[in-house]
Amino acid sequence: MFHYLSIILMPFMMANGERVSEKSITGPFDTKAECEEYKLSVENIITLNPAYEIVESLCKQKLPKPLI
């Protein structure tokens, strides 16, 4: 099983002056190829709007341990 992980900066500012970011985990995907296809579709959509910025975009077989 694979999961798609992304961090995307949005064109909105928080009160402290930092840009709003979206952190996302999507999946599971049965194969890495399915995950990579989803990854490419997200990157293509974000590329259409230059106000958004992809910080991280990757497919992982093992998810990172939760921070909580």
Protein backbone atom coordinates (compact mmCIF):
# COMPACT_ATOMS: atom_id res chain seq x y z
CA MET A 1 0.00 0.00 0.00
CA PHE A 2 1.18 3.51 -0.86
CA HIS A 3 0.10 6.94 0.35
CA TYR A 4 0.50 10.35 -1.24
CA LEU A 5 1.87 13.05 1.08
CA SER A 6 1.82 16.73 0.22
CA ILE A 7 2.41 20.16 1.70
CA ILE A 8 0.92 23.01 -0.32
CA LEU A 9 1.28 26.71 0.47
CA MET A 10 -1.86 28.73 -0.18
CA PRO A 11 -2.10 32.44 -1.02
CA PHE A 12 -3.59 33.31 2.38
CA MET A 13 -1.80 34.84 5.34
CA MET A 14 -2.24 33.95 9.00
CA ALA A 15 -2.28 36.62 11.69
CA ASN A 16 1.43 36.00 12.38
CA GLY A 17 2.32 36.76 8.75
CA GLU A 18 2.99 33.16 7.65
CA ARG A 19 1.28 31.65 4.63
CA VAL A 20 -1.43 29.06 5.24
CA SER A 21 -0.28 25.54 4.41
CA GLU A 22 -2.25 22.40 3.73
CA LYS A 23 -0.68 19.13 4.86
CA SER A 24 -2.36 16.09 3.39
CA ILE A 25 -2.12 12.30 3.29
CA THR A 26 -4.23 10.57 0.63
CA GLY A 27 -4.67 6.86 0.07
CA PRO A 28 -4.13 4.02 0.32
CA PHE A 29 -3.25 3.18 -3.27
CA ASP A 30 -2.66 -0.46 -4.18
CA THR A 31 0.40 0.24 -6.33
CA LYS A 32 3.08 2.89 -6.56
CA ALA A 33 1.99 3.56 -10.15
CA GLU A 34 -1.53 4.50 -8.97
CA CYS A 35 -0.04 6.80 -6.32
CA GLU A 36 2.30 8.42 -8.85
CA GLU A 37 -0.62 9.03 -11.21
CA TYR A 38 -2.53 10.79 -8.43
CA LYS A 39 0.61 12.78 -7.52
CA LEU A 40 0.96 13.97 -11.10
CA SER A 41 -2.68 15.06 -11.26
CA VAL A 42 -2.30 17.13 -8.06
CA GLU A 43 0.91 18.73 -9.35
CA ASN A 44 -0.77 19.57 -12.68
CA ILE A 45 -3.71 21.24 -10.91
CA ILE A 46 -1.44 23.29 -8.62
CA THR A 47 0.74 24.35 -11.55
CA LEU A 48 -2.30 25.99 -13.15
CA ASN A 49 -2.52 28.46 -10.26
CA PRO A 50 0.80 30.22 -9.59
CA ALA A 51 -0.47 31.64 -6.27
CA TYR A 52 -0.17 28.13 -4.80
CA GLU A 53 3.17 26.42 -4.17
CA ILE A 54 3.99 22.75 -3.64
CA VAL A 55 6.52 22.33 -0.83
CA GLU A 56 6.41 18.53 -0.75
CA SER A 57 4.78 15.99 -3.06
CA LEU A 58 5.67 12.32 -2.77
CA CYS A 59 4.45 8.74 -2.61
CA LYS A 60 5.50 6.67 0.39
CA GLN A 61 5.05 3.03 1.17
CA LYS A 62 5.49 3.55 4.91
CA LEU A 63 3.73 6.44 6.58
CA PRO A 64 5.65 8.63 9.02
CA LYS A 65 4.91 8.05 12.69
CA PRO A 66 2.25 10.40 14.09
CA LEU A 67 3.58 13.40 15.99
CA ILE A 68 0.91 13.09 18.68
